[in-house]
């Protein structure tokens, strides 16, 4: 098996595993609630914190070059 074929096979296997995991999460109410809560937390707290840190870093780097 060539490296290209191995990479393609691995991508297909990982894609199938991802689809199965998504199906299980969507069809299992406790897992679905957990996934929605985690997504809400990420969008409500994680993403703004990341954007604030990135903005601060960009601000500080822009002062160095000026």
Protein backbone atom coordinates (compact mmCIF):
# COMPACT_ATOMS: atom_id res chain seq x y z
CA UNK A 1 0.00 0.00 0.00
CA UNK A 2 1.39 3.37 -0.98
CA UNK A 3 1.45 6.30 1.47
CA UNK A 4 -1.24 8.03 -0.58
CA UNK A 5 -3.52 4.99 -0.39
CA UNK A 6 -2.88 4.64 3.33
CA UNK A 7 -3.75 8.31 3.88
CA UNK A 8 -6.96 7.91 1.88
CA UNK A 9 -7.93 4.77 3.81
CA UNK A 10 -7.27 6.51 7.12
CA UNK A 11 -9.35 9.52 6.05
CA UNK A 12 -12.26 7.26 5.08
CA UNK A 13 -12.08 5.38 8.39
CA UNK A 14 -11.90 8.61 10.43
CA UNK A 15 -14.77 10.11 8.44
CA UNK A 16 -16.92 7.05 9.05
CA UNK A 17 -16.08 7.07 12.76
CA UNK A 18 -17.00 10.76 12.93
CA UNK A 19 -20.34 10.11 11.27
CA UNK A 20 -21.10 7.25 13.65
CA UNK A 21 -20.16 9.39 16.65
CA UNK A 22 -22.36 12.24 15.40
CA UNK A 23 -25.27 9.81 14.91
CA UNK A 24 -24.87 8.43 18.43
CA UNK A 25 -24.72 11.93 19.94
CA UNK A 26 -27.76 13.12 17.99
CA UNK A 27 -29.88 10.08 18.83
CA UNK A 28 -28.97 9.88 22.55
CA UNK A 29 -30.73 12.65 24.50
CA UNK A 30 -28.20 12.96 27.39
CA UNK A 31 -25.29 13.17 24.94
CA UNK A 32 -27.19 15.62 22.77
CA UNK A 33 -27.83 17.87 25.80
CA UNK A 34 -24.16 17.63 26.77
CA UNK A 35 -23.05 18.55 23.24
CA UNK A 36 -25.43 21.51 23.11
CA UNK A 37 -24.30 22.71 26.54
CA UNK A 38 -20.64 22.43 25.51
CA UNK A 39 -21.34 24.32 22.28
CA UNK A 40 -23.21 27.02 24.17
CA UNK A 41 -20.31 27.33 26.63
CA UNK A 42 -17.79 27.57 23.79
CA UNK A 43 -19.75 30.27 22.00
CA UNK A 44 -20.66 32.06 25.23
CA UNK A 45 -17.33 32.02 27.06
CA UNK A 46 -14.56 30.29 25.16
CA UNK A 47 -14.81 32.13 21.87
CA UNK A 48 -15.00 35.67 23.34
CA UNK A 49 -12.05 34.90 25.64
CA UNK A 50 -10.03 33.71 22.65
CA UNK A 51 -10.95 36.80 20.64
CA UNK A 52 -10.05 39.09 23.54
CA UNK A 53 -6.66 37.42 23.99
CA UNK A 54 -5.94 37.61 20.26
CA UNK A 55 -6.97 41.26 20.12
CA UNK A 56 -4.75 42.10 23.08
CA UNK A 57 -1.81 40.30 21.51
CA UNK A 58 -2.33 42.10 18.19
CA UNK A 59 -2.58 45.45 20.01
CA UNK A 60 0.68 44.86 21.87
CA UNK A 61 2.50 43.73 18.73
CA UNK A 62 1.28 46.74 16.78
CA UNK A 63 2.82 49.08 19.39
CA UNK A 64 6.22 47.38 19.06
CA UNK A 65 6.52 48.15 15.36
CA UNK A 66 5.40 51.77 15.67
